[in-house]
Amino acid sequence: MIQPPDFKEKQILFFNSYQIQGCNLSLRNENLLIQEHKKVITKIPVNKLIAILIYGDFTVTTKLLAKINRVGASLYFLSRNLQVKSEIGAYAEGNYLLRQKQYLMSKQKCLEISQKIVLNKMRNSLALLRGADIQTINGRKRVNYKKIMKNKITQAQDIASLRGIEGVISKDYFQAYFSQINWYKRMPRTKIDENNILLDMGYTFLFNFVDAILRVYGFDTYKGIYHQLFFNRKSLSADMMEPFRCIVDKALVKMHNLGQFDSKDFSYKQQKYYLDYKHSGKYTKIFLEEILRYKMDIYYYIRDHYYWILNNNNNVKDFVIR
């Protein structure tokens, strides 16, 4: 199991094959070598990696794949729309006690954990509104809104009703927080506008980062608690990323305010927007830097969840964005 001092040194790497021609990744003296047309352009210690995201076509050596697995890192191959095509991940597969507790978890405990997840997500959403000096949400003062919704969350009788409450909160929050930018509405994976494309992009990076940490602990990331179980969907990773979506939201507004967003980086074809791959690196850097800024908070949140599941310890810390 990875310890805090070790995890503090961990990094995410993103490789864009469209920006590095004839690229391959290999291992030499415990370092990841990045080569362009057989010429080494940089090297990185492999033991400092927690996740490697590869966008486009690369050549990867078998020695490197074996080493990545041994150091507890995960390798993700991304399609042009930044969805995971394939992956090679490190698992603590021998942690059968953890997985047994995952599979045998009662409905009541699932509900309690789910309520905690939604409460954390709401607190962070409202914290962003406070930071942006937005006083009201859906016609109510923030404090009053928080009390009303907290009461509804804690009184939810089942996960289905909890999802309904979360949906209302998310809709109200998006409308309030993103009023600072040219916002339409949240429509995942529809490419309806540039902002939705960038949110999909940031959430994908966040999801993969959370998934990589869960793997190290030995979780079955397909066995969710709050999100429903579907074939080939990592529901637990989706659960654990919920309180941290605010990191991506904050990064999006920040890039607009700092003038980093440029509509010319996008194209419009067949009633859909697309991010030009030549400009993807700029936005990737912004999102990954923001995620890494909170990497220890994400680590501790997942670690506390691990102890909660394994030891029936209900003393789980909240994550509050600052």
Protein backbone atom coordinates (compact mmCIF):
# COMPACT_ATOMS: atom_id res chain seq x y z
CA MET A 1 0.00 0.00 0.00
CA ILE A 2 1.37 3.42 -0.94
CA GLN A 3 2.11 5.75 1.98
CA PRO A 4 1.58 9.57 2.05
CA PRO A 5 5.28 10.55 1.77
CA ASP A 6 5.62 8.33 -1.31
CA PHE A 7 2.38 9.48 -2.90
CA LYS A 8 3.36 13.12 -2.41
CA GLU A 9 6.08 12.61 -5.03
CA LYS A 10 3.76 10.94 -7.55
CA GLN A 11 2.93 12.64 -10.83
CA ILE A 12 0.59 12.25 -13.82
CA LEU A 13 2.13 12.21 -17.29
CA PHE A 14 0.25 13.04 -20.47
CA PHE A 15 1.73 12.22 -23.87
CA ASN A 16 0.33 13.59 -27.10
CA SER A 17 1.60 11.64 -30.12
CA TYR A 18 0.35 14.37 -32.44
CA GLN A 19 2.90 16.75 -30.94
CA ILE A 20 5.79 14.26 -30.77
CA GLN A 21 6.35 12.52 -34.10
CA GLY A 22 7.72 8.96 -34.28
CA CYS A 23 7.53 8.67 -30.52
CA ASN A 24 8.20 5.61 -28.39
CA LEU A 25 8.44 4.95 -24.65
CA SER A 26 11.07 2.66 -23.17
CA LEU A 27 12.86 1.84 -19.92
CA ARG A 28 16.52 2.47 -19.10
CA ASN A 29 18.09 2.50 -15.61
CA GLU A 30 14.70 2.88 -13.86
CA ASN A 31 13.83 5.88 -16.04
CA LEU A 32 11.06 6.30 -18.57
CA LEU A 33 12.66 7.44 -21.81
CA ILE A 34 10.68 9.51 -24.29
CA GLN A 35 12.18 9.22 -27.74
CA GLU A 36 11.37 11.04 -30.95
CA HIS A 37 12.72 9.33 -34.06
CA LYS A 38 15.01 7.24 -31.77
CA LYS A 39 16.47 10.35 -30.14
CA VAL A 40 15.93 10.72 -26.37
CA ILE A 41 14.20 14.03 -25.66
CA THR A 42 13.53 13.54 -21.93
CA LYS A 43 13.61 10.95 -19.14
CA ILE A 44 11.52 10.59 -15.97
CA PRO A 45 11.98 8.28 -12.94
CA VAL A 46 9.31 5.58 -13.26
CA ASN A 47 8.78 5.28 -9.50
CA LYS A 48 7.42 8.84 -9.44
CA LEU A 49 4.46 7.97 -11.66
CA ILE A 50 0.91 7.19 -10.57
CA ALA A 51 -0.77 7.47 -13.98
CA ILE A 52 0.34 7.78 -17.61
CA LEU A 53 -2.16 9.06 -20.17
CA ILE A 54 -1.31 8.38 -23.81
CA TYR A 55 -3.18 10.29 -26.50
CA GLY A 56 -2.67 8.91 -29.97
CA ASP A 57 -0.32 6.20 -31.26
CA PHE A 58 2.86 5.29 -29.37
CA THR A 59 5.28 2.39 -29.24
CA VAL A 60 5.75 1.05 -25.69
CA THR A 61 8.32 -1.62 -24.73
CA THR A 62 7.40 -4.71 -22.69
CA LYS A 63 10.08 -3.92 -20.08
CA LEU A 64 8.48 -0.57 -19.46
CA LEU A 65 5.01 -2.13 -19.10
CA ALA A 66 6.32 -4.59 -16.51
CA LYS A 67 8.05 -1.81 -14.57
CA ILE A 68 4.98 0.43 -14.60
CA ASN A 69 2.99 -2.41 -13.07
CA ARG A 70 5.62 -3.07 -10.38
CA VAL A 71 5.74 0.56 -9.19
CA GLY A 72 1.94 0.69 -8.87
CA ALA A 73 1.24 3.02 -11.78
CA SER A 74 -1.53 2.76 -14.39
CA LEU A 75 -1.29 3.30 -18.14
CA TYR A 76 -4.28 4.63 -20.08
CA PHE A 77 -4.60 4.79 -23.87
CA LEU A 78 -6.98 7.56 -24.90
CA SER A 79 -9.00 8.01 -28.08
CA ARG A 80 -9.34 11.32 -29.91
CA ASN A 81 -12.31 12.26 -27.72
CA LEU A 82 -10.15 11.44 -24.64
CA GLN A 83 -12.13 8.34 -23.70
CA VAL A 84 -10.15 5.32 -22.49
CA LYS A 85 -9.64 2.81 -25.32
CA SER A 86 -7.48 0.42 -23.31
CA GLU A 87 -5.58 0.36 -20.05
CA ILE A 88 -2.90 -1.47 -18.14
CA GLY A 89 -3.34 -0.94 -14.43
CA ALA A 90 -1.65 -1.91 -11.20
CA TYR A 91 -3.90 -3.81 -8.83
CA ALA A 92 -3.39 -5.03 -5.27
CA GLU A 93 -5.30 -8.11 -6.37
CA GLY A 94 -4.51 -10.08 -3.23
CA ASN A 95 -6.60 -7.79 -1.02
CA TYR A 96 -9.47 -10.27 -0.92
CA LEU A 97 -10.71 -8.99 2.49
CA LEU A 98 -11.40 -5.56 1.02
CA ARG A 99 -13.22 -6.96 -1.98
CA GLN A 100 -15.23 -9.32 0.19
CA LYS A 101 -16.44 -6.34 2.24
CA GLN A 102 -17.23 -4.48 -0.97
CA TYR A 103 -19.42 -7.29 -2.27
CA LEU A 104 -21.18 -7.91 1.06
CA MET A 105 -21.89 -4.27 1.94
CA SER A 106 -25.44 -3.73 3.21
CA LYS A 107 -27.92 -1.41 1.51
CA GLN A 108 -27.97 0.79 4.61
CA LYS A 109 -24.20 1.27 4.59
CA CYS A 110 -24.28 1.98 0.85
CA LEU A 111 -26.85 4.68 1.53
CA GLU A 112 -24.79 6.21 4.37
CA ILE A 113 -21.66 6.38 2.22
CA SER A 114 -23.62 7.75 -0.73
CA GLN A 115 -25.09 10.49 1.46
CA LYS A 116 -21.59 11.40 2.56
CA ILE A 117 -20.42 11.62 -1.07
CA VAL A 118 -23.34 13.87 -2.09
CA LEU A 119 -22.89 16.09 0.99
CA ASN A 120 -19.22 16.56 0.16
CA LYS A 121 -20.02 17.36 -3.44
CA MET A 122 -22.61 19.95 -2.40
CA ARG A 123 -20.29 21.59 0.14
CA ASN A 124 -17.61 22.03 -2.49
CA SER A 125 -20.08 23.36 -5.03
CA LEU A 126 -21.24 25.98 -2.54
CA ALA A 127 -17.63 26.74 -1.58
CA LEU A 128 -16.94 27.66 -5.21
CA LEU A 129 -19.98 29.95 -5.20
CA ARG A 130 -18.70 31.60 -2.03
CA GLY A 131 -15.25 32.05 -3.56
CA ALA A 132 -16.83 33.69 -6.62
CA ASP A 133 -18.95 35.93 -4.34
CA ILE A 134 -22.19 34.46 -5.71
CA GLN A 135 -24.68 35.02 -2.92
CA THR A 136 -27.73 33.11 -4.13
CA ILE A 137 -28.50 29.79 -5.75
CA ASN A 138 -31.89 29.12 -7.30
CA GLY A 139 -33.30 32.25 -5.64
CA ARG A 140 -32.14 31.31 -2.11
CA LYS A 141 -29.26 32.54 0.01
CA ARG A 142 -26.42 30.05 0.01
CA VAL A 143 -26.71 29.29 3.74
CA ASN A 144 -30.44 28.66 3.52
CA TYR A 145 -30.01 26.54 0.40
CA LYS A 146 -27.35 24.45 2.13
CA LYS A 147 -29.57 23.79 5.17
CA ILE A 148 -32.55 22.78 3.03
CA MET A 149 -30.55 20.45 0.78
CA LYS A 150 -28.51 18.97 3.61
CA ASN A 151 -31.73 18.04 5.35
CA LYS A 152 -33.06 16.41 2.18
CA ILE A 153 -29.82 14.46 1.66
CA THR A 154 -29.68 13.10 5.20
CA GLN A 155 -33.37 12.15 5.11
CA ALA A 156 -33.20 10.33 1.76
CA GLN A 157 -34.66 6.86 2.19
CA ASP A 158 -32.86 5.21 -0.70
CA ILE A 159 -30.17 5.86 -3.31
CA ALA A 160 -32.70 6.48 -6.09
CA SER A 161 -34.21 9.45 -4.22
CA LEU A 162 -30.71 10.64 -3.31
CA ARG A 163 -29.80 10.74 -6.99
CA GLY A 164 -32.83 12.91 -7.64
CA ILE A 165 -31.74 15.36 -4.94
CA GLU A 166 -28.20 15.44 -6.30
CA GLY A 167 -29.53 16.12 -9.78
CA VAL A 168 -31.43 19.18 -8.55
CA ILE A 169 -28.37 20.49 -6.68
CA SER A 170 -26.11 19.99 -9.70
CA LYS A 171 -28.52 21.81 -12.02
CA ASP A 172 -28.84 24.76 -9.63
CA TYR A 173 -25.09 24.88 -9.05
CA PHE A 174 -24.13 24.78 -12.74
CA GLN A 175 -26.52 27.61 -13.51
CA ALA A 176 -25.19 29.76 -10.68
CA TYR A 177 -21.46 29.08 -10.87
CA PHE A 178 -21.02 29.10 -14.63
CA SER A 179 -23.03 32.30 -15.00
CA GLN A 180 -19.54 33.89 -14.90
CA ILE A 181 -18.83 32.55 -18.40
CA ASN A 182 -20.78 32.04 -21.61
CA TRP A 183 -22.74 29.04 -20.29
CA TYR A 184 -25.58 27.11 -21.90
CA LYS A 185 -26.14 23.96 -19.84
CA ARG A 186 -24.38 20.75 -18.89
CA MET A 187 -24.73 18.07 -21.56
CA PRO A 188 -22.07 15.34 -21.15
CA ARG A 189 -20.39 13.92 -24.26
CA THR A 190 -22.69 15.77 -26.66
CA LYS A 191 -20.09 18.29 -27.93
CA ILE A 192 -22.82 20.90 -27.75
CA ASP A 193 -20.31 23.69 -27.05
CA GLU A 194 -16.70 24.36 -26.07
CA ASN A 195 -17.35 24.44 -22.32
CA ASN A 196 -18.95 21.00 -22.31
CA ILE A 197 -16.02 19.61 -24.30
CA LEU A 198 -13.56 21.00 -21.76
CA LEU A 199 -15.56 19.70 -18.79
CA ASP A 200 -15.65 16.24 -20.39
CA MET A 201 -11.90 16.49 -20.85
CA GLY A 202 -11.18 17.55 -17.26
CA TYR A 203 -13.56 15.00 -15.76
CA THR A 204 -11.89 12.23 -17.83
CA PHE A 205 -8.48 13.10 -16.39
CA LEU A 206 -9.89 13.28 -12.88
CA PHE A 207 -11.69 9.95 -13.28
CA ASN A 208 -8.53 8.18 -14.44
CA PHE A 209 -6.48 9.67 -11.60
CA VAL A 210 -9.01 8.52 -8.99
CA ASP A 211 -9.20 5.10 -10.65
CA ALA A 212 -5.40 4.74 -10.50
CA ILE A 213 -5.36 5.35 -6.73
CA LEU A 214 -8.25 2.96 -6.08
CA ARG A 215 -6.38 0.24 -7.98
CA VAL A 216 -3.33 0.61 -5.73
CA TYR A 217 -5.49 -0.16 -2.68
CA GLY A 218 -6.98 -3.23 -4.32
CA PHE A 219 -10.57 -2.04 -4.83
CA ASP A 220 -12.77 -3.61 -7.44
CA THR A 221 -13.47 -0.33 -9.20
CA TYR A 222 -16.45 -1.83 -11.04
CA LYS A 223 -18.29 -2.45 -7.75
CA GLY A 224 -19.86 0.90 -7.03
CA ILE A 225 -21.80 2.17 -4.05
CA TYR A 226 -23.66 5.26 -5.20
CA HIS A 227 -23.55 4.75 -8.96
CA GLN A 228 -25.49 1.83 -10.35
CA LEU A 229 -23.70 -1.23 -11.63
CA PHE A 230 -23.48 -1.46 -15.42
CA PHE A 231 -21.41 -3.77 -17.57
CA ASN A 232 -17.87 -2.47 -18.10
CA ARG A 233 -18.39 0.73 -16.09
CA LYS A 234 -16.11 1.60 -13.19
CA SER A 235 -18.86 2.71 -10.85
CA LEU A 236 -16.64 3.03 -7.76
CA SER A 237 -14.26 5.38 -9.58
CA ALA A 238 -17.29 7.46 -10.56
CA ASP A 239 -18.38 7.47 -6.89
CA MET A 240 -15.05 8.66 -5.53
CA MET A 241 -14.54 11.43 -8.07
CA GLU A 242 -17.85 13.16 -7.26
CA PRO A 243 -16.59 15.44 -4.45
CA PHE A 244 -13.64 16.47 -6.64
CA ARG A 245 -15.50 17.52 -9.79
CA CYS A 246 -15.31 21.06 -8.40
CA ILE A 247 -11.56 21.04 -9.16
CA VAL A 248 -12.31 20.79 -12.88
CA ASP A 249 -15.17 23.33 -12.63
CA LYS A 250 -12.88 25.84 -10.95
CA ALA A 251 -10.18 25.30 -13.59
CA LEU A 252 -12.67 25.99 -16.40
CA VAL A 253 -13.83 29.32 -14.95
CA LYS A 254 -10.25 30.24 -14.11
CA MET A 255 -9.05 29.71 -17.70
CA HIS A 256 -11.85 31.97 -18.93
CA ASN A 257 -10.97 34.68 -16.41
CA LEU A 258 -7.25 34.50 -17.21
CA GLY A 259 -7.81 34.65 -20.95
CA GLN A 260 -6.45 31.13 -21.52
CA PHE A 261 -9.64 30.00 -23.26
CA ASP A 262 -9.74 30.72 -27.00
CA SER A 263 -12.75 29.78 -29.12
CA LYS A 264 -10.40 29.60 -32.15
CA ASP A 265 -8.94 26.40 -30.66
CA PHE A 266 -12.21 24.66 -31.55
CA SER A 267 -13.88 23.72 -34.81
CA TYR A 268 -17.55 23.15 -35.64
CA LYS A 269 -18.61 20.28 -37.91
CA GLN A 270 -21.95 18.54 -38.40
CA GLN A 271 -23.55 20.50 -35.55
CA LYS A 272 -20.82 19.49 -33.08
CA TYR A 273 -17.81 21.25 -31.59
CA TYR A 274 -14.34 19.69 -31.63
CA LEU A 275 -11.12 20.64 -29.89
CA ASP A 276 -8.25 20.81 -32.38
CA TYR A 277 -5.66 18.24 -31.29
CA LYS A 278 -2.91 20.84 -31.86
CA HIS A 279 -4.36 22.87 -28.99
CA SER A 280 -5.31 20.01 -26.67
CA GLY A 281 -1.98 20.18 -24.84
CA LYS A 282 -2.72 23.66 -23.50
CA TYR A 283 -5.98 22.62 -21.84
CA THR A 284 -4.56 19.29 -20.71
CA LYS A 285 -1.79 21.11 -18.84
CA ILE A 286 -4.30 23.40 -17.10
CA PHE A 287 -6.50 20.54 -15.88
CA LEU A 288 -3.69 18.21 -14.82
CA GLU A 289 -1.91 20.95 -12.88
CA GLU A 290 -5.13 21.75 -11.02
CA ILE A 291 -5.79 18.07 -10.25
CA LEU A 292 -2.24 17.57 -9.00
CA ARG A 293 -2.64 20.61 -6.78
CA TYR A 294 -5.22 18.60 -4.82
CA LYS A 295 -3.63 15.18 -5.23
CA MET A 296 -3.02 14.69 -1.50
CA ASP A 297 -6.64 15.58 -0.69
CA ILE A 298 -7.79 12.97 -3.22
CA TYR A 299 -5.35 10.43 -1.80
CA TYR A 300 -6.48 10.95 1.81
CA TYR A 301 -10.15 10.82 0.83
CA ILE A 302 -9.69 7.45 -0.87
CA ARG A 303 -7.48 6.18 1.94
CA ASP A 304 -10.13 7.09 4.52
CA HIS A 305 -12.76 5.37 2.40
CA TYR A 306 -10.53 2.29 2.39
CA TYR A 307 -10.37 2.25 6.20
CA TRP A 308 -14.10 2.92 6.41
CA ILE A 309 -14.84 -0.15 4.30
CA LEU A 310 -12.19 -2.46 5.75
CA ASN A 311 -12.42 -1.56 9.45
CA ASN A 312 -15.98 -0.20 9.75
CA ASN A 313 -14.44 3.14 10.72
CA ASN A 314 -16.96 5.95 10.21
CA ASN A 315 -14.48 8.75 10.90
CA VAL A 316 -14.03 9.87 7.30
CA LYS A 317 -12.61 13.32 6.56
CA ASP A 318 -14.41 15.79 4.33
CA PHE A 319 -12.77 17.35 1.33
CA VAL A 320 -13.36 21.09 1.11
CA ILE A 321 -11.89 22.98 -1.81
CA ARG A 322 -9.96 26.15 -1.06
